[in-house]
């Protein structure tokens, strides 16, 4: 009987998660004015968006949805099934967002003041009728400046396999260093932002978009050489950021990276191979 109850609650849990919107990415863009500002939402199953509203909480405010730009009804999305939709900031951001992210279109996006956010702000999805929180990014009532989840001039993506719990769980997200998007994007005559900060990659399956067999070693690095291996012999793009988000090295390699010119300390390594991206913490001594 105990096993039957356990199975019942496991099935109930999966069923409860189905057919709900999931926050999967937040982006504070590198163009003038910190745009494009984008919220990515994944429709898990057939989601009736008329049931849901997005709310923000800015700066040091302790109230949600303050002012006319504090909330956005999602009814115009209608019913979406297993697909991504986007909220982009108003005032012409859609054209810019589409240029940087061709997957963002007028048909799958809403321009809204609810995304008039900086990297220290919070955002959540609620059930419109009950006000129950479905998913949330950022700690309620906390100005994110200086926190581990700050996303100023940067972005954060939900980890594959993680599901919303109605609260903010840092372990469910990967946070890229603040200012790590500075200088990127077509608006800065650089590579398309979708290359520097890819969206639309969340999966309910764990590690679907990970780099198979990825190994980053030694860690810590003590002899000036970092090795990056995977199951593929393809060339990898490697970008290393310091703790304040400044890009300190960018190169391509099939295996070894010379880091001898980097000072001792903690860094973030971003590796891209065959359209898949992974990040690792790196210590250099």
Protein backbone atom coordinates (compact mmCIF):
# COMPACT_ATOMS: atom_id res chain seq x y z
CA UNK A 1 0.00 0.00 0.00
CA UNK A 2 2.87 2.38 0.82
CA UNK A 3 4.34 1.87 -2.66
CA UNK A 4 0.98 2.60 -4.24
CA UNK A 5 0.69 5.87 -2.31
CA UNK A 6 4.23 6.83 -3.37
CA UNK A 7 3.41 6.12 -7.00
CA UNK A 8 0.17 8.10 -6.69
CA UNK A 9 1.94 11.19 -5.37
CA UNK A 10 4.69 10.90 -7.99
CA UNK A 11 2.09 10.84 -10.77
CA UNK A 12 0.20 13.68 -9.10
CA UNK A 13 3.38 15.77 -8.98
CA UNK A 14 4.07 15.26 -12.69
CA UNK A 15 0.45 16.03 -13.56
CA UNK A 16 0.53 19.22 -11.47
CA UNK A 17 3.58 20.43 -13.36
CA UNK A 18 2.08 19.75 -16.78
CA UNK A 19 0.29 22.52 -18.66
CA UNK A 20 1.93 25.44 -16.87
CA UNK A 21 4.22 28.24 -18.06
CA UNK A 22 7.87 28.03 -17.00
CA UNK A 23 10.32 30.95 -16.73
CA UNK A 24 13.35 29.82 -18.70
CA UNK A 25 15.52 32.90 -19.32
CA UNK A 26 15.94 36.59 -18.46
CA UNK A 27 18.11 38.91 -20.54
CA UNK A 28 19.40 42.45 -19.93
CA UNK A 29 20.76 43.37 -23.35
CA UNK A 30 23.98 45.16 -24.36
CA UNK A 31 22.52 47.81 -26.68
CA UNK A 32 22.05 51.45 -25.67
CA UNK A 33 19.54 51.62 -22.83
CA UNK A 34 20.18 48.01 -21.78
CA UNK A 35 18.04 46.54 -24.52
CA UNK A 36 16.73 44.18 -25.69
CA UNK A 37 15.23 43.21 -22.35
CA UNK A 38 13.66 39.78 -22.77
CA UNK A 39 11.78 37.29 -20.63
CA UNK A 40 11.52 33.79 -22.08
CA UNK A 41 8.66 31.48 -21.05
CA UNK A 42 8.20 27.84 -22.02
CA UNK A 43 4.70 26.40 -22.41
CA UNK A 44 4.94 22.93 -20.89
CA UNK A 45 2.11 21.00 -22.49
CA UNK A 46 -0.98 22.80 -23.78
CA UNK A 47 -0.93 26.00 -21.69
CA UNK A 48 -3.95 28.32 -21.64
CA UNK A 49 -2.20 31.64 -21.10
CA UNK A 50 -5.49 33.40 -20.35
CA UNK A 51 -5.08 31.98 -16.84
CA UNK A 52 -1.74 33.67 -16.15
CA UNK A 53 -0.19 37.08 -15.47
CA UNK A 54 3.45 38.22 -15.27
CA UNK A 55 4.36 40.62 -12.45
CA UNK A 56 7.58 42.45 -11.64
CA UNK A 57 9.19 43.78 -8.47
CA UNK A 58 11.81 46.47 -9.01
CA UNK A 59 14.75 47.90 -7.08
CA UNK A 60 14.13 47.78 -3.33
CA UNK A 61 10.33 47.61 -3.63
CA UNK A 62 8.59 45.02 -1.48
CA UNK A 63 5.31 45.08 -3.41
CA UNK A 64 4.67 43.23 -6.66
CA UNK A 65 3.08 44.81 -9.72
CA UNK A 66 3.46 48.44 -8.65
CA UNK A 67 2.24 50.93 -11.26
CA UNK A 68 0.80 50.49 -14.74
CA UNK A 69 3.89 48.65 -16.02
CA UNK A 70 4.05 46.29 -13.05
CA UNK A 71 1.99 43.47 -14.55
CA UNK A 72 1.10 41.95 -17.89
CA UNK A 73 -1.86 39.70 -18.64
CA UNK A 74 -0.77 36.86 -20.94
CA UNK A 75 -4.16 36.14 -22.54
CA UNK A 76 -3.07 37.28 -25.99
CA UNK A 77 -0.79 34.25 -26.26
CA UNK A 78 -3.89 32.04 -26.30
CA UNK A 79 -3.14 28.33 -25.99
CA UNK A 80 0.44 27.29 -26.71
CA UNK A 81 1.83 23.77 -26.67
CA UNK A 82 5.45 22.90 -25.90
CA UNK A 83 6.88 26.13 -27.30
CA UNK A 84 8.64 29.29 -26.22
CA UNK A 85 7.00 32.71 -25.97
CA UNK A 86 8.63 36.02 -25.11
CA UNK A 87 7.96 39.28 -23.26
CA UNK A 88 10.10 42.15 -24.55
CA UNK A 89 10.25 45.71 -23.31
CA UNK A 90 8.18 48.33 -25.13
CA UNK A 91 9.34 51.25 -27.30
CA UNK A 92 10.57 49.41 -30.36
CA UNK A 93 12.32 46.57 -28.59
CA UNK A 94 10.57 43.91 -30.68
CA UNK A 95 12.36 44.92 -33.89
CA UNK A 96 15.69 44.91 -32.08
CA UNK A 97 14.95 41.64 -30.30
CA UNK A 98 13.98 39.99 -33.60
CA UNK A 99 17.18 41.20 -35.27
CA UNK A 100 19.26 39.66 -32.48
CA UNK A 101 16.99 36.61 -32.02
CA UNK A 102 15.20 35.56 -35.24
CA UNK A 103 13.13 33.06 -33.21
CA UNK A 104 11.38 36.00 -31.49
CA UNK A 105 8.52 37.16 -33.71
CA UNK A 106 5.40 39.29 -33.44
CA UNK A 107 3.38 36.06 -33.30
CA UNK A 108 5.11 34.66 -30.21
CA UNK A 109 5.89 37.80 -28.24
CA UNK A 110 4.30 40.65 -26.29
CA UNK A 111 5.84 44.10 -25.94
CA UNK A 112 5.26 45.20 -22.35
CA UNK A 113 6.49 47.64 -19.73
CA UNK A 114 6.64 44.72 -17.31
CA UNK A 115 10.12 44.06 -18.75
CA UNK A 116 11.35 47.57 -17.95
CA UNK A 117 13.80 45.89 -15.59
CA UNK A 118 17.44 46.11 -14.60
CA UNK A 119 19.67 43.29 -13.48
CA UNK A 120 18.66 43.69 -9.84
CA UNK A 121 14.90 43.19 -10.35
CA UNK A 122 12.56 40.23 -9.88
CA UNK A 123 9.79 38.76 -12.02
CA UNK A 124 7.17 36.05 -11.57
CA UNK A 125 4.18 34.30 -13.14
CA UNK A 126 0.97 34.01 -11.14
CA UNK A 127 -2.41 32.39 -11.66
CA UNK A 128 -4.55 35.44 -12.42
CA UNK A 129 -7.65 34.19 -10.61
CA UNK A 130 -5.98 32.85 -7.45
CA UNK A 131 -2.72 34.89 -7.27
CA UNK A 132 -0.86 31.63 -6.64
CA UNK A 133 2.78 31.98 -7.73
CA UNK A 134 3.59 29.53 -10.53
CA UNK A 135 7.24 30.44 -11.06
CA UNK A 136 9.61 33.20 -9.98
CA UNK A 137 13.05 34.60 -10.78
CA UNK A 138 14.85 36.53 -8.03
CA UNK A 139 14.40 36.72 -4.27
CA UNK A 140 11.25 38.58 -3.20
CA UNK A 141 11.80 41.97 -1.53
CA UNK A 142 15.56 41.87 -2.20
CA UNK A 143 17.42 44.33 -4.43
CA UNK A 144 19.57 41.98 -6.48
CA UNK A 145 22.59 44.29 -6.74
CA UNK A 146 25.66 42.39 -5.58
CA UNK A 147 23.82 39.07 -5.21
CA UNK A 148 24.80 35.82 -6.88
CA UNK A 149 21.72 36.08 -9.11
CA UNK A 150 22.28 39.64 -10.38
CA UNK A 151 21.86 39.83 -14.17
CA UNK A 152 22.97 43.36 -15.05
CA UNK A 153 24.08 43.53 -18.72
CA UNK A 154 23.93 39.76 -18.64
CA UNK A 155 21.48 36.89 -18.65
CA UNK A 156 20.39 33.77 -16.76
CA UNK A 157 18.91 30.52 -18.06
CA UNK A 158 16.97 27.76 -16.33
CA UNK A 159 18.83 24.48 -16.11
CA UNK A 160 17.51 21.56 -18.12
CA UNK A 161 15.30 19.24 -16.08
CA UNK A 162 14.48 21.78 -13.37
CA UNK A 163 10.83 22.62 -12.84
CA UNK A 164 9.01 25.53 -11.18
CA UNK A 165 8.15 25.21 -7.50
CA UNK A 166 6.45 28.56 -6.94
CA UNK A 167 9.58 30.00 -5.32
CA UNK A 168 13.01 31.08 -6.57
CA UNK A 169 15.59 28.31 -6.43
CA UNK A 170 19.09 29.44 -7.43
CA UNK A 171 20.15 25.84 -8.04
CA UNK A 172 17.68 25.70 -10.94
CA UNK A 173 19.49 28.46 -12.85
CA UNK A 174 22.81 29.25 -14.49
CA UNK A 175 23.87 32.88 -14.02
CA UNK A 176 26.37 34.50 -16.34
CA UNK A 177 28.68 37.20 -14.92
CA UNK A 178 27.36 40.76 -14.83
CA UNK A 179 28.46 42.91 -17.79
CA UNK A 180 29.37 39.75 -19.71
CA UNK A 181 27.26 40.88 -22.69
CA UNK A 182 28.96 44.28 -23.01
CA UNK A 183 30.16 44.82 -26.57
CA UNK A 184 28.17 41.90 -28.01
CA UNK A 185 25.27 41.94 -30.45
CA UNK A 186 24.65 43.40 -33.88
CA UNK A 187 23.98 46.75 -32.22
CA UNK A 188 27.65 46.82 -31.24
CA UNK A 189 28.81 45.64 -34.69
CA UNK A 190 29.64 42.27 -33.15
CA UNK A 191 28.23 38.76 -33.53
CA UNK A 192 24.48 38.31 -33.27
CA UNK A 193 23.34 38.27 -29.64
CA UNK A 194 21.77 34.84 -30.15
CA UNK A 195 25.31 33.52 -30.54
CA UNK A 196 26.70 35.19 -27.42
CA UNK A 197 23.61 34.50 -25.28
CA UNK A 198 21.52 31.71 -26.85
CA UNK A 199 17.83 31.39 -25.95
CA UNK A 200 15.24 28.71 -26.65
CA UNK A 201 17.36 25.86 -25.32
CA UNK A 202 15.53 24.76 -22.15
CA UNK A 203 14.49 21.12 -22.04
CA UNK A 204 12.59 19.02 -19.49
CA UNK A 205 15.20 16.36 -20.14
CA UNK A 206 18.37 16.83 -18.13
CA UNK A 207 21.45 17.89 -20.08
CA UNK A 208 19.87 17.60 -23.53
CA UNK A 209 21.83 20.64 -24.63
CA UNK A 210 25.00 19.89 -22.68
CA UNK A 211 28.27 19.13 -24.46
CA UNK A 212 28.66 15.33 -24.38
CA UNK A 213 31.71 14.12 -22.49
CA UNK A 214 32.90 17.62 -21.59
CA UNK A 215 35.96 17.72 -19.35
CA UNK A 216 37.69 20.92 -18.18
CA UNK A 217 40.97 20.23 -16.39
CA UNK A 218 43.11 20.65 -14.39
CA UNK A 219 41.08 22.76 -11.99
CA UNK A 220 42.78 24.61 -10.35
CA UNK A 221 45.23 25.40 -13.16
CA UNK A 222 48.77 25.72 -11.87
CA UNK A 223 50.93 25.41 -14.99
CA UNK A 224 49.27 27.90 -17.37
CA UNK A 225 47.49 25.35 -19.57
CA UNK A 226 43.80 24.48 -19.44
CA UNK A 227 42.54 21.41 -21.30
CA UNK A 228 39.01 21.18 -22.66
CA UNK A 229 37.98 17.83 -24.08
CA UNK A 230 34.68 16.32 -25.21
CA UNK A 231 33.34 13.40 -27.21
CA UNK A 232 33.73 15.49 -30.35
CA UNK A 233 36.92 16.56 -32.06
CA UNK A 234 35.21 19.76 -33.23
CA UNK A 235 36.72 23.18 -32.62
CA UNK A 236 35.40 24.85 -29.49
CA UNK A 237 34.94 28.55 -28.81
CA UNK A 238 36.20 29.35 -25.32
CA UNK A 239 35.44 32.61 -23.51
CA UNK A 240 36.75 33.32 -20.00
CA UNK A 241 35.29 36.00 -17.69
CA UNK A 242 36.62 37.35 -14.42
CA UNK A 243 34.47 37.66 -11.30
CA UNK A 244 33.09 41.08 -12.30
CA UNK A 245 32.03 39.79 -15.71
CA UNK A 246 34.85 41.24 -17.81
CA UNK A 247 35.88 39.10 -20.75
CA UNK A 248 39.57 38.36 -20.28
CA UNK A 249 40.18 35.73 -22.95
CA UNK A 250 38.48 34.45 -26.08
CA UNK A 251 39.90 31.78 -28.34
CA UNK A 252 39.10 28.70 -30.38
CA UNK A 253 40.69 25.35 -29.73
CA UNK A 254 40.34 21.62 -30.13
CA UNK A 255 41.82 20.97 -26.71
CA UNK A 256 44.41 23.20 -24.97
CA UNK A 257 44.01 26.84 -23.91
CA UNK A 258 46.94 28.99 -22.79
CA UNK A 259 45.88 30.84 -19.62
CA UNK A 260 49.38 31.74 -18.46
CA UNK A 261 48.67 35.47 -18.80
CA UNK A 262 45.72 35.36 -16.41
CA UNK A 263 46.26 36.31 -12.78
CA UNK A 264 45.46 33.89 -10.02
CA UNK A 265 41.80 33.91 -9.05
CA UNK A 266 38.31 32.64 -9.86
CA UNK A 267 36.89 32.78 -13.38
CA UNK A 268 33.93 31.56 -15.43
CA UNK A 269 34.64 29.59 -18.61
CA UNK A 270 32.00 29.51 -21.37
CA UNK A 271 32.49 26.75 -23.94
CA UNK A 272 30.53 26.49 -27.20
CA UNK A 273 30.75 23.45 -29.47
CA UNK A 274 28.46 22.56 -32.38
CA UNK A 275 25.76 24.95 -31.17
CA UNK A 276 25.82 23.66 -27.59
CA UNK A 277 27.08 25.75 -24.69
CA UNK A 278 28.34 24.92 -21.21
CA UNK A 279 29.87 26.96 -18.40
CA UNK A 280 32.33 25.97 -15.72
CA UNK A 281 33.88 27.69 -12.71
CA UNK A 282 37.68 27.87 -13.03
CA UNK A 283 40.38 28.55 -10.47
CA UNK A 284 43.85 29.69 -11.55
CA UNK A 285 46.77 29.66 -9.15
